[in-house]
Amino acid sequence: MTILHAIELLGVAVFAVSGALAAGRRSLDLLGVVVIATVTATGGGTLRDLLLDRSPVFWIADTTYLYISIAAALLTVVYARYRHPPDRFILIADALGLALFSIGGAQIAENAGYDGIVVVIMGTLTGAAGGMLRDILCAEVPLILRRSRIYATAAIAGVIAYLALQPFLDRTLAALLGMACVAGLRLAAIIWDWTLPVFSLPGGKDEH
């Protein structure tokens, strides 16, 4: 198993947990939990593979991703029956999944020989799209679109840090530091309510 493969598997598991918890908050049945968890875990990578014309899509080529997603969802259901997850656990799980998938997606685009800006976009898309699909299916405004804490910006910063560190460090170490950057920024945004400046036109409907 390569390091990239291990990162993707771990990212799938973490995102599946966040999807299962989101489904639980909407009181969905067991099938609904599995569907939301799987879409959350595979949505970003699926969109990335379609845009990069990678065939077959990663979870079709290796069904291990599906098994891990389903297992993580079911284990989350069992755990939640006996212990109530902390209110912020879904945000923490999402932050870890964002970090793992952003760098993993960036490495896939990088290995395919794409330019740096495409690597950044694909890394961000891989990390953020699954959570966006989860929120849409759960009838919530996606985190990436909310006027709230830093989200996609953390993925962008982490991928840029990963690329910038490669001339000076081993690629694996650069990847780990990039993940730490993504997770650190996202968790800091959750704890201290960090947000980006808001653009608002005078006299607009959303002016406060």
N, C-alpha and C. Protein backbone atom coordinates (compact mmCIF):
# COMPACT_ATOMS: atom_id res chain seq x y z
N MET A 1 0.84 -1.20 0.00
CA MET A 1 0.00 0.00 0.00
C MET A 1 0.88 1.25 0.00
N THR A 2 0.63 2.17 -0.92
CA THR A 2 1.40 3.41 -0.99
C THR A 2 0.89 4.40 0.06
N ILE A 3 1.70 5.41 0.34
CA ILE A 3 1.29 6.43 1.31
C ILE A 3 0.06 7.18 0.80
N LEU A 4 0.03 7.46 -0.51
CA LEU A 4 -1.12 8.15 -1.09
C LEU A 4 -2.39 7.33 -0.92
N HIS A 5 -2.28 6.02 -1.16
CA HIS A 5 -3.45 5.15 -1.00
C HIS A 5 -3.92 5.14 0.44
N ALA A 6 -2.99 5.07 1.39
CA ALA A 6 -3.33 5.07 2.80
C ALA A 6 -4.02 6.37 3.20
N ILE A 7 -3.53 7.50 2.66
CA ILE A 7 -4.14 8.80 2.94
C ILE A 7 -5.58 8.83 2.45
N GLU A 8 -5.80 8.33 1.24
CA GLU A 8 -7.16 8.33 0.68
C GLU A 8 -8.10 7.44 1.49
N LEU A 9 -7.62 6.27 1.92
CA LEU A 9 -8.46 5.37 2.71
C LEU A 9 -8.83 6.00 4.05
N LEU A 10 -7.86 6.64 4.68
CA LEU A 10 -8.14 7.30 5.96
C LEU A 10 -9.10 8.46 5.75
N GLY A 11 -8.89 9.23 4.67
CA GLY A 11 -9.79 10.33 4.37
C GLY A 11 -11.21 9.87 4.14
N VAL A 12 -11.39 8.75 3.44
CA VAL A 12 -12.71 8.18 3.21
C VAL A 12 -13.38 7.83 4.53
N ALA A 13 -12.64 7.20 5.42
CA ALA A 13 -13.20 6.81 6.71
C ALA A 13 -13.64 8.03 7.53
N VAL A 14 -12.79 9.04 7.57
CA VAL A 14 -13.10 10.24 8.37
C VAL A 14 -14.29 10.99 7.80
N PHE A 15 -14.32 11.15 6.48
CA PHE A 15 -15.45 11.84 5.86
C PHE A 15 -16.75 11.02 6.00
N ALA A 16 -16.64 9.71 5.95
CA ALA A 16 -17.83 8.87 6.14
C ALA A 16 -18.41 9.06 7.54
N VAL A 17 -17.54 9.21 8.52
CA VAL A 17 -17.99 9.47 9.89
C VAL A 17 -18.76 10.80 9.95
N SER A 18 -18.21 11.83 9.32
CA SER A 18 -18.89 13.13 9.34
C SER A 18 -20.23 13.06 8.61
N GLY A 19 -20.28 12.29 7.52
CA GLY A 19 -21.54 12.11 6.80
C GLY A 19 -22.57 11.36 7.62
N ALA A 20 -22.14 10.33 8.32
CA ALA A 20 -23.06 9.54 9.15
C ALA A 20 -23.61 10.39 10.29
N LEU A 21 -22.77 11.22 10.89
CA LEU A 21 -23.23 12.09 11.97
C LEU A 21 -24.22 13.13 11.46
N ALA A 22 -23.95 13.67 10.27
CA ALA A 22 -24.88 14.64 9.68
C ALA A 22 -26.23 13.99 9.39
N ALA A 23 -26.20 12.75 8.89
CA ALA A 23 -27.44 12.02 8.63
C ALA A 23 -28.19 11.74 9.93
N GLY A 24 -27.44 11.43 10.99
CA GLY A 24 -28.06 11.17 12.28
C GLY A 24 -28.76 12.39 12.83
N ARG A 25 -28.20 13.56 12.60
CA ARG A 25 -28.83 14.79 13.07
C ARG A 25 -30.11 15.08 12.31
N ARG A 26 -30.24 14.50 11.12
CA ARG A 26 -31.48 14.64 10.35
C ARG A 26 -32.42 13.46 10.57
N SER A 27 -32.03 12.56 11.49
CA SER A 27 -32.85 11.38 11.84
C SER A 27 -33.19 10.52 10.63
N LEU A 28 -32.21 10.28 9.77
CA LEU A 28 -32.42 9.42 8.61
C LEU A 28 -32.34 7.95 9.03
N ASP A 29 -32.93 7.08 8.21
CA ASP A 29 -32.84 5.65 8.51
C ASP A 29 -31.45 5.13 8.15
N LEU A 30 -31.25 3.83 8.39
CA LEU A 30 -29.91 3.25 8.24
C LEU A 30 -29.41 3.37 6.79
N LEU A 31 -30.30 3.15 5.82
CA LEU A 31 -29.91 3.30 4.42
C LEU A 31 -29.51 4.74 4.13
N GLY A 32 -30.27 5.68 4.66
CA GLY A 32 -29.95 7.08 4.46
C GLY A 32 -28.59 7.44 5.04
N VAL A 33 -28.29 6.88 6.21
CA VAL A 33 -26.99 7.12 6.84
C VAL A 33 -25.86 6.63 5.94
N VAL A 34 -26.00 5.41 5.43
CA VAL A 34 -24.96 4.83 4.57
C VAL A 34 -24.81 5.63 3.29
N VAL A 35 -25.93 6.05 2.69
CA VAL A 35 -25.86 6.82 1.45
C VAL A 35 -25.16 8.16 1.68
N ILE A 36 -25.57 8.89 2.72
CA ILE A 36 -24.95 10.19 3.00
C ILE A 36 -23.47 10.02 3.31
N ALA A 37 -23.14 9.02 4.11
CA ALA A 37 -21.73 8.78 4.46
C ALA A 37 -20.90 8.46 3.22
N THR A 38 -21.43 7.63 2.33
CA THR A 38 -20.69 7.24 1.13
C THR A 38 -20.53 8.40 0.16
N VAL A 39 -21.58 9.18 -0.01
CA VAL A 39 -21.49 10.36 -0.89
C VAL A 39 -20.47 11.35 -0.34
N THR A 40 -20.50 11.55 0.98
CA THR A 40 -19.54 12.46 1.61
C THR A 40 -18.11 11.98 1.40
N ALA A 41 -17.92 10.67 1.54
CA ALA A 41 -16.57 10.09 1.47
C ALA A 41 -16.02 10.01 0.05
N THR A 42 -16.89 9.87 -0.93
CA THR A 42 -16.42 9.64 -2.30
C THR A 42 -16.74 10.78 -3.27
N GLY A 43 -17.58 11.73 -2.85
CA GLY A 43 -18.03 12.77 -3.77
C GLY A 43 -16.92 13.63 -4.33
N GLY A 44 -16.03 14.10 -3.47
CA GLY A 44 -14.95 14.97 -3.93
C GLY A 44 -14.00 14.26 -4.88
N GLY A 45 -13.61 13.04 -4.53
CA GLY A 45 -12.71 12.27 -5.38
C GLY A 45 -13.35 11.89 -6.71
N THR A 46 -14.66 11.65 -6.68
CA THR A 46 -15.38 11.32 -7.92
C THR A 46 -15.37 12.50 -8.88
N LEU A 47 -15.68 13.68 -8.36
CA LEU A 47 -15.69 14.89 -9.20
C LEU A 47 -14.29 15.17 -9.74
N ARG A 48 -13.29 14.98 -8.90
CA ARG A 48 -11.89 15.17 -9.35
C ARG A 48 -11.55 14.23 -10.49
N ASP A 49 -11.88 12.95 -10.33
CA ASP A 49 -11.54 11.97 -11.36
C ASP A 49 -12.27 12.25 -12.67
N LEU A 50 -13.52 12.71 -12.59
CA LEU A 50 -14.26 13.04 -13.79
C LEU A 50 -13.63 14.22 -14.52
N LEU A 51 -13.22 15.23 -13.77
CA LEU A 51 -12.61 16.41 -14.38
C LEU A 51 -11.23 16.10 -14.96
N LEU A 52 -10.49 15.20 -14.31
CA LEU A 52 -9.16 14.84 -14.80
C LEU A 52 -9.20 13.69 -15.80
N ASP A 53 -10.41 13.22 -16.11
CA ASP A 53 -10.60 12.13 -17.07
C ASP A 53 -9.85 10.87 -16.62
N ARG A 54 -9.91 10.58 -15.32
CA ARG A 54 -9.32 9.36 -14.79
C ARG A 54 -10.37 8.26 -14.84
N SER A 55 -10.08 7.19 -15.49
CA SER A 55 -11.05 6.12 -15.67
C SER A 55 -10.42 4.77 -15.33
N PRO A 56 -11.15 3.92 -14.56
CA PRO A 56 -12.44 4.22 -13.91
C PRO A 56 -12.25 5.10 -12.68
N VAL A 57 -13.36 5.65 -12.18
CA VAL A 57 -13.34 6.46 -10.96
C VAL A 57 -12.76 5.63 -9.82
N PHE A 58 -12.07 6.30 -8.89
CA PHE A 58 -11.26 5.60 -7.90
C PHE A 58 -12.00 4.53 -7.11
N TRP A 59 -13.27 4.77 -6.74
CA TRP A 59 -13.96 3.77 -5.92
C TRP A 59 -14.52 2.61 -6.76
N ILE A 60 -14.56 2.78 -8.07
CA ILE A 60 -14.91 1.67 -8.96
C ILE A 60 -13.67 0.81 -9.20
N ALA A 61 -12.54 1.47 -9.35
CA ALA A 61 -11.28 0.74 -9.56
C ALA A 61 -10.88 -0.05 -8.32
N ASP A 62 -11.20 0.47 -7.15
CA ASP A 62 -10.84 -0.20 -5.89
C ASP A 62 -12.02 -0.08 -4.94
N THR A 63 -12.81 -1.14 -4.84
CA THR A 63 -14.03 -1.09 -4.02
C THR A 63 -13.74 -1.07 -2.52
N THR A 64 -12.47 -1.15 -2.14
CA THR A 64 -12.11 -1.02 -0.73
C THR A 64 -12.64 0.28 -0.15
N TYR A 65 -12.64 1.33 -0.97
CA TYR A 65 -13.13 2.63 -0.52
C TYR A 65 -14.60 2.55 -0.10
N LEU A 66 -15.39 1.81 -0.86
CA LEU A 66 -16.81 1.67 -0.52
C LEU A 66 -16.99 0.87 0.77
N TYR A 67 -16.24 -0.22 0.90
CA TYR A 67 -16.36 -1.03 2.10
C TYR A 67 -15.97 -0.25 3.35
N ILE A 68 -14.91 0.55 3.24
CA ILE A 68 -14.47 1.35 4.38
C ILE A 68 -15.51 2.41 4.71
N SER A 69 -16.08 3.03 3.69
CA SER A 69 -17.11 4.04 3.90
C SER A 69 -18.32 3.45 4.62
N ILE A 70 -18.79 2.31 4.15
CA ILE A 70 -19.96 1.66 4.76
C ILE A 70 -19.65 1.22 6.19
N ALA A 71 -18.47 0.63 6.39
CA ALA A 71 -18.08 0.17 7.72
C ALA A 71 -17.97 1.34 8.69
N ALA A 72 -17.38 2.45 8.24
CA ALA A 72 -17.25 3.63 9.11
C ALA A 72 -18.61 4.19 9.48
N ALA A 73 -19.54 4.18 8.51
CA ALA A 73 -20.89 4.68 8.78
C ALA A 73 -21.59 3.81 9.82
N LEU A 74 -21.52 2.50 9.66
CA LEU A 74 -22.19 1.59 10.59
C LEU A 74 -21.57 1.64 11.98
N LEU A 75 -20.25 1.74 12.04
CA LEU A 75 -19.59 1.84 13.34
C LEU A 75 -19.96 3.15 14.05
N THR A 76 -20.14 4.20 13.27
CA THR A 76 -20.56 5.47 13.85
C THR A 76 -21.95 5.36 14.45
N VAL A 77 -22.85 4.65 13.75
CA VAL A 77 -24.20 4.44 14.25
C VAL A 77 -24.16 3.66 15.57
N VAL A 78 -23.36 2.61 15.62
CA VAL A 78 -23.25 1.80 16.84
C VAL A 78 -22.70 2.64 17.99
N TYR A 79 -21.64 3.41 17.70
CA TYR A 79 -21.03 4.24 18.73
C TYR A 79 -22.04 5.26 19.27
N ALA A 80 -22.77 5.90 18.35
CA ALA A 80 -23.70 6.95 18.75
C ALA A 80 -24.87 6.42 19.58
N ARG A 81 -25.15 5.13 19.46
CA ARG A 81 -26.23 4.54 20.25
C ARG A 81 -25.87 4.48 21.73
N TYR A 82 -24.59 4.39 22.03
CA TYR A 82 -24.14 4.24 23.41
C TYR A 82 -23.52 5.51 23.98
N ARG A 83 -22.96 6.34 23.11
CA ARG A 83 -22.36 7.58 23.57
C ARG A 83 -22.70 8.70 22.59
N HIS A 84 -23.17 9.82 23.14
CA HIS A 84 -23.53 10.93 22.27
C HIS A 84 -22.27 11.66 21.84
N PRO A 85 -22.03 11.76 20.53
CA PRO A 85 -20.83 12.46 20.06
C PRO A 85 -20.89 13.94 20.45
N PRO A 86 -19.76 14.54 20.80
CA PRO A 86 -19.75 15.97 21.12
C PRO A 86 -20.32 16.79 19.96
N ASP A 87 -20.91 17.93 20.28
CA ASP A 87 -21.56 18.76 19.27
C ASP A 87 -20.62 19.16 18.13
N ARG A 88 -19.36 19.37 18.46
CA ARG A 88 -18.41 19.82 17.44
C ARG A 88 -17.68 18.66 16.76
N PHE A 89 -18.03 17.44 17.10
CA PHE A 89 -17.30 16.30 16.55
C PHE A 89 -17.41 16.24 15.04
N ILE A 90 -18.59 16.56 14.51
CA ILE A 90 -18.77 16.52 13.05
C ILE A 90 -17.87 17.54 12.37
N LEU A 91 -17.67 18.70 13.01
CA LEU A 91 -16.78 19.72 12.44
C LEU A 91 -15.32 19.28 12.50
N ILE A 92 -14.95 18.61 13.59
CA ILE A 92 -13.58 18.12 13.73
C ILE A 92 -13.31 17.02 12.72
N ALA A 93 -14.25 16.08 12.58
CA ALA A 93 -14.10 14.99 11.60
C ALA A 93 -14.01 15.56 10.19
N ASP A 94 -14.82 16.57 9.92
CA ASP A 94 -14.81 17.20 8.61
C ASP A 94 -13.47 17.90 8.36
N ALA A 95 -12.91 18.52 9.38
CA ALA A 95 -11.62 19.21 9.24
C ALA A 95 -10.51 18.21 8.92
N LEU A 96 -10.52 17.06 9.58
CA LEU A 96 -9.50 16.04 9.32
C LEU A 96 -9.67 15.46 7.92
N GLY A 97 -10.93 15.21 7.52
CA GLY A 97 -11.18 14.72 6.17
C GLY A 97 -10.76 15.73 5.12
N LEU A 98 -11.02 17.00 5.38
CA LEU A 98 -10.61 18.07 4.47
C LEU A 98 -9.11 18.06 4.28
N ALA A 99 -8.36 17.90 5.37
CA ALA A 99 -6.90 17.89 5.31
C ALA A 99 -6.38 16.69 4.51
N LEU A 100 -6.90 15.52 4.82
CA LEU A 100 -6.43 14.29 4.17
C LEU A 100 -6.76 14.30 2.68
N PHE A 101 -7.99 14.66 2.33
CA PHE A 101 -8.41 14.60 0.94
C PHE A 101 -7.80 15.72 0.10
N SER A 102 -7.60 16.89 0.69
CA SER A 102 -7.03 18.00 -0.07
C SER A 102 -5.63 17.66 -0.55
N ILE A 103 -4.80 17.17 0.34
CA ILE A 103 -3.44 16.83 -0.04
C ILE A 103 -3.41 15.59 -0.93
N GLY A 104 -4.25 14.61 -0.61
CA GLY A 104 -4.33 13.41 -1.46
C GLY A 104 -4.75 13.74 -2.87
N GLY A 105 -5.77 14.60 -3.01
CA GLY A 105 -6.22 15.02 -4.34
C GLY A 105 -5.18 15.82 -5.08
N ALA A 106 -4.46 16.66 -4.33
CA ALA A 106 -3.38 17.44 -4.94
C ALA A 106 -2.29 16.54 -5.49
N GLN A 107 -1.95 15.49 -4.75
CA GLN A 107 -0.90 14.57 -5.19
C GLN A 107 -1.31 13.81 -6.45
N ILE A 108 -2.59 13.48 -6.55
CA ILE A 108 -3.07 12.78 -7.75
C ILE A 108 -2.94 13.68 -8.98
N ALA A 109 -3.35 14.94 -8.85
CA ALA A 109 -3.22 15.88 -9.97
C ALA A 109 -1.74 16.14 -10.27
N GLU A 110 -0.93 16.22 -9.24
CA GLU A 110 0.50 16.45 -9.41
C GLU A 110 1.16 15.28 -10.14
N ASN A 111 0.81 14.06 -9.74
CA ASN A 111 1.37 12.87 -10.39
C ASN A 111 0.97 12.77 -11.86
N ALA A 112 -0.18 13.36 -12.19
CA ALA A 112 -0.64 13.35 -13.58
C ALA A 112 0.04 14.43 -14.42
N GLY A 113 0.88 15.25 -13.78
CA GLY A 113 1.66 16.24 -14.52
C GLY A 113 1.00 17.58 -14.74
N TYR A 114 -0.04 17.90 -13.97
CA TYR A 114 -0.75 19.17 -14.16
C TYR A 114 -0.01 20.32 -13.50
N ASP A 115 -0.30 21.53 -13.98
CA ASP A 115 0.32 22.74 -13.47
C ASP A 115 -0.11 23.00 -12.03
N GLY A 116 0.68 23.82 -11.33
CA GLY A 116 0.45 24.07 -9.92
C GLY A 116 -0.94 24.58 -9.59
N ILE A 117 -1.48 25.50 -10.39
CA ILE A 117 -2.80 26.04 -10.09
C ILE A 117 -3.88 24.97 -10.23
N VAL A 118 -3.71 24.06 -11.17
CA VAL A 118 -4.66 22.95 -11.31
C VAL A 118 -4.54 22.01 -10.11
N VAL A 119 -3.33 21.79 -9.65
CA VAL A 119 -3.11 20.96 -8.46
C VAL A 119 -3.84 21.55 -7.26
N VAL A 120 -3.75 22.87 -7.10
CA VAL A 120 -4.42 23.54 -5.98
C VAL A 120 -5.95 23.40 -6.11
N ILE A 121 -6.46 23.61 -7.31
CA ILE A 121 -7.91 23.52 -7.53
C ILE A 121 -8.40 22.10 -7.29
N MET A 122 -7.69 21.11 -7.82
CA MET A 122 -8.12 19.72 -7.66
C MET A 122 -8.01 19.26 -6.21
N GLY A 123 -6.97 19.72 -5.51
CA GLY A 123 -6.86 19.39 -4.09
C GLY A 123 -8.00 19.97 -3.29
N THR A 124 -8.32 21.22 -3.55
CA THR A 124 -9.41 21.88 -2.84
C THR A 124 -10.75 21.23 -3.17
N LEU A 125 -10.96 20.92 -4.43
CA LEU A 125 -12.20 20.27 -4.86
C LEU A 125 -12.36 18.91 -4.21
N THR A 126 -11.27 18.14 -4.18
CA THR A 126 -11.33 16.81 -3.58
C THR A 126 -11.70 16.90 -2.11
N GLY A 127 -11.15 17.91 -1.43
CA GLY A 127 -11.42 18.04 -0.01
C GLY A 127 -12.78 18.61 0.32
N ALA A 128 -13.26 19.55 -0.49
CA ALA A 128 -14.46 20.29 -0.12
C ALA A 128 -15.75 19.76 -0.74
N ALA A 129 -15.68 19.11 -1.89
CA ALA A 129 -16.91 18.75 -2.63
C ALA A 129 -17.74 17.70 -1.90
N GLY A 130 -17.09 16.75 -1.23
CA GLY A 130 -17.85 15.72 -0.52
C GLY A 130 -18.71 16.31 0.58
N GLY A 131 -18.13 17.23 1.35
CA GLY A 131 -18.90 17.89 2.40
C GLY A 131 -20.01 18.75 1.84
N MET A 132 -19.76 19.36 0.68
CA MET A 132 -20.80 20.17 0.04
C MET A 132 -21.98 19.30 -0.37
N LEU A 133 -21.71 18.15 -0.96
CA LEU A 133 -22.79 17.23 -1.35
C LEU A 133 -23.55 16.72 -0.12
N ARG A 134 -22.80 16.44 0.96
CA ARG A 134 -23.43 16.00 2.21
C ARG A 134 -24.42 17.03 2.71
N ASP A 135 -24.00 18.30 2.73
CA ASP A 135 -24.86 19.36 3.25
C ASP A 135 -26.08 19.55 2.36
N ILE A 136 -25.90 19.47 1.04
CA ILE A 136 -27.03 19.63 0.12
C ILE A 136 -28.06 18.52 0.34
N LEU A 137 -27.59 17.28 0.45
CA LEU A 137 -28.50 16.15 0.66
C LEU A 137 -29.19 16.21 2.02
N CYS A 138 -28.55 16.87 2.98
CA CYS A 138 -29.15 17.03 4.31
C CYS A 138 -29.93 18.34 4.43
N ALA A 139 -30.17 18.99 3.28
CA ALA A 139 -30.96 20.23 3.22
C ALA A 139 -30.36 21.34 4.07
N GLU A 140 -29.03 21.49 3.98
CA GLU A 140 -28.34 22.56 4.68
C GLU A 140 -27.53 23.38 3.68
N VAL A 141 -27.26 24.62 4.02
CA VAL A 141 -26.38 25.44 3.19
C VAL A 141 -24.97 24.87 3.32
N PRO A 142 -24.30 24.52 2.21
CA PRO A 142 -22.97 23.93 2.30
C PRO A 142 -22.00 24.82 3.06
N LEU A 143 -21.12 24.16 3.85
CA LEU A 143 -20.13 24.90 4.63
C LEU A 143 -19.31 25.85 3.76
N ILE A 144 -18.98 25.39 2.54
CA ILE A 144 -18.12 26.18 1.66
C ILE A 144 -18.79 27.48 1.24
N LEU A 145 -20.13 27.54 1.31
CA LEU A 145 -20.86 28.73 0.86
C LEU A 145 -21.35 29.59 2.02
N ARG A 146 -21.21 29.09 3.24
CA ARG A 146 -21.72 29.85 4.37
C ARG A 146 -20.85 31.06 4.67
N ARG A 147 -21.53 32.10 5.12
CA ARG A 147 -20.82 33.31 5.54
C ARG A 147 -20.34 33.08 6.97
N SER A 148 -19.36 32.22 7.07
CA SER A 148 -18.92 31.83 8.41
C SER A 148 -17.43 31.51 8.41
N ARG A 149 -17.04 30.48 9.15
CA ARG A 149 -15.64 30.19 9.38
C ARG A 149 -14.93 29.72 8.12
N ILE A 150 -13.61 29.95 8.10
CA ILE A 150 -12.77 29.56 6.98
C ILE A 150 -12.91 28.06 6.71
N TYR A 151 -13.09 27.70 5.43
CA TYR A 151 -13.23 26.29 5.06
C TYR A 151 -12.36 25.96 3.85
N ALA A 152 -12.84 26.29 2.66
CA ALA A 152 -12.07 25.98 1.45
C ALA A 152 -10.73 26.72 1.45
N THR A 153 -10.70 27.90 2.07
CA THR A 153 -9.46 28.66 2.14
C THR A 153 -8.37 27.86 2.85
N ALA A 154 -8.77 27.08 3.86
CA ALA A 154 -7.80 26.25 4.58
C ALA A 154 -7.19 25.20 3.65
N ALA A 155 -8.04 24.62 2.78
CA ALA A 155 -7.54 23.63 1.83
C ALA A 155 -6.59 24.27 0.82
N ILE A 156 -6.96 25.44 0.32
CA ILE A 156 -6.10 26.15 -0.63
C ILE A 156 -4.74 26.45 0.00
N ALA A 157 -4.75 26.97 1.23
CA ALA A 157 -3.50 27.31 1.91
C ALA A 157 -2.64 26.07 2.14
N GLY A 158 -3.28 24.96 2.53
CA GLY A 158 -2.53 23.74 2.79
C GLY A 158 -1.88 23.16 1.55
N VAL A 159 -2.60 23.18 0.43
CA VAL A 159 -2.04 22.65 -0.82
C VAL A 159 -0.90 23.55 -1.31
N ILE A 160 -1.09 24.86 -1.19
CA ILE A 160 -0.01 25.78 -1.58
C ILE A 160 1.22 25.55 -0.71
N ALA A 161 1.02 25.35 0.59
CA ALA A 161 2.14 25.08 1.49
C ALA A 161 2.84 23.79 1.09
N TYR A 162 2.06 22.77 0.75
CA TYR A 162 2.62 21.49 0.31
C TYR A 162 3.51 21.67 -0.93
N LEU A 163 3.03 22.40 -1.90
CA LEU A 163 3.81 22.63 -3.13
C LEU A 163 5.04 23.49 -2.84
N ALA A 164 4.88 24.51 -1.99
CA ALA A 164 5.99 25.42 -1.70
C ALA A 164 7.11 24.75 -0.91
N LEU A 165 6.77 23.75 -0.10
CA LEU A 165 7.77 23.08 0.74
C LEU A 165 8.56 22.00 0.01
N GLN A 166 8.04 21.53 -1.11
CA GLN A 166 8.69 20.41 -1.79
C GLN A 166 10.13 20.66 -2.22
N PRO A 167 10.51 21.87 -2.67
CA PRO A 167 11.91 22.08 -3.03
C PRO A 167 12.87 21.97 -1.84
N PHE A 168 12.34 22.07 -0.63
CA PHE A 168 13.19 22.10 0.56
C PHE A 168 13.08 20.84 1.42
N LEU A 169 11.99 20.10 1.28
CA LEU A 169 11.75 18.94 2.14
C LEU A 169 11.38 17.71 1.32
N ASP A 170 11.48 16.57 1.97
CA ASP A 170 10.99 15.33 1.37
C ASP A 170 9.50 15.47 1.06
N ARG A 171 9.06 14.87 -0.05
CA ARG A 171 7.66 15.03 -0.48
C ARG A 171 6.68 14.54 0.57
N THR A 172 7.01 13.44 1.23
CA THR A 172 6.12 12.92 2.27
C THR A 172 5.99 13.89 3.43
N LEU A 173 7.12 14.45 3.86
CA LEU A 173 7.09 15.42 4.95
C LEU A 173 6.34 16.68 4.54
N ALA A 174 6.53 17.11 3.29
CA ALA A 174 5.79 18.27 2.79
C ALA A 174 4.29 18.01 2.80
N ALA A 175 3.90 16.77 2.45
CA ALA A 175 2.48 16.40 2.46
C ALA A 175 1.93 16.44 3.87
N LEU A 176 2.67 15.90 4.83
CA LEU A 176 2.22 15.90 6.22
C LEU A 176 2.07 17.31 6.77
N LEU A 177 3.02 18.18 6.43
CA LEU A 177 2.93 19.57 6.87
C LEU A 177 1.79 20.30 6.19
N GLY A 178 1.54 19.95 4.91
CA GLY A 178 0.39 20.53 4.22
C GLY A 178 -0.92 20.13 4.88
N MET A 179 -1.03 18.86 5.27
CA MET A 179 -2.22 18.40 5.98
C MET A 179 -2.38 19.11 7.32
N ALA A 180 -1.27 19.27 8.01
CA ALA A 180 -1.31 19.97 9.30
C ALA A 180 -1.78 21.41 9.12
N CYS A 181 -1.35 22.03 8.02
CA CYS A 181 -1.77 23.40 7.72
C CYS A 181 -3.28 23.47 7.48
N VAL A 182 -3.80 22.54 6.69
CA VAL A 182 -5.25 22.51 6.41
C VAL A 182 -6.03 22.30 7.70
N ALA A 183 -5.69 21.23 8.43
CA ALA A 183 -6.42 20.90 9.65
C ALA A 183 -6.27 22.00 10.69
N GLY A 184 -5.04 22.54 10.83
CA GLY A 184 -4.81 23.58 11.82
C GLY A 184 -5.62 24.84 11.55
N LEU A 185 -5.64 25.28 10.30
CA LEU A 185 -6.41 26.47 9.94
C LEU A 185 -7.91 26.25 10.15
N ARG A 186 -8.38 25.08 9.73
CA ARG A 186 -9.82 24.80 9.87
C ARG A 186 -10.22 24.69 11.34
N LEU A 187 -9.43 23.99 12.14
CA LEU A 187 -9.76 23.85 13.56
C LEU A 187 -9.65 25.18 14.29
N ALA A 188 -8.64 25.99 13.92
CA ALA A 188 -8.50 27.32 14.51
C ALA A 188 -9.71 28.19 14.16
N ALA A 189 -10.19 28.05 12.92
CA ALA A 189 -11.37 28.81 12.49
C ALA A 189 -12.60 28.40 13.30
N ILE A 190 -12.69 27.10 13.61
CA ILE A 190 -13.82 26.61 14.41
C ILE A 190 -13.74 27.14 15.84
N ILE A 191 -12.53 27.11 16.42
CA ILE A 191 -12.35 27.51 17.81
C ILE A 191 -12.49 29.01 18.00
N TRP A 192 -11.84 29.78 17.10
CA TRP A 192 -11.80 31.23 17.28
C TRP A 192 -12.68 31.99 16.28
N ASP A 193 -13.51 31.27 15.54
CA ASP A 193 -14.45 31.91 14.61
C ASP A 193 -13.75 32.80 13.58
N TRP A 194 -12.67 32.28 13.01
CA TRP A 194 -11.98 33.04 11.96
C TRP A 194 -12.81 33.03 10.69
N THR A 195 -12.96 34.19 10.09
CA THR A 195 -13.71 34.30 8.84
C THR A 195 -12.94 35.18 7.86
N LEU A 196 -13.33 35.08 6.60
CA LEU A 196 -12.76 35.96 5.58
C LEU A 196 -13.56 37.26 5.55
N PRO A 197 -12.94 38.35 5.09
CA PRO A 197 -13.70 39.61 4.94
C PRO A 197 -14.88 39.41 4.00
N VAL A 198 -15.96 40.07 4.29
CA VAL A 198 -17.18 39.95 3.49
C VAL A 198 -17.28 41.12 2.52
N PHE A 199 -17.58 40.83 1.25
CA PHE A 199 -17.79 41.86 0.24
C PHE A 199 -19.27 42.19 0.19
N SER A 200 -19.60 43.42 0.46
CA SER A 200 -21.01 43.82 0.48
C SER A 200 -21.16 45.19 -0.19
N LEU A 201 -22.04 45.29 -1.17
CA LEU A 201 -22.29 46.56 -1.85
C LEU A 201 -23.22 47.44 -1.02
N PRO A 202 -22.96 48.72 -0.97
CA PRO A 202 -23.85 49.63 -0.22
C PRO A 202 -25.28 49.52 -0.74
N GLY A 203 -26.22 49.42 0.18
CA GLY A 203 -27.62 49.36 -0.19
C GLY A 203 -28.09 47.97 -0.59
N GLY A 204 -27.19 46.93 -0.50
CA GLY A 204 -27.59 45.58 -0.87
C GLY A 204 -28.51 44.97 0.15
N LYS A 205 -29.20 43.93 -0.24
CA LYS A 205 -30.18 43.29 0.64
C LYS A 205 -29.52 42.68 1.87
N ASP A 206 -28.24 42.23 1.73
CA ASP A 206 -27.59 41.53 2.83
C ASP A 206 -26.78 42.48 3.72
N GLU A 207 -26.94 43.80 3.50
CA GLU A 207 -26.17 44.75 4.29
C GLU A 207 -26.67 44.76 5.72
N HIS A 208 -25.70 44.73 6.67
CA HIS A 208 -26.06 44.74 8.09
C HIS A 208 -25.44 45.95 8.76
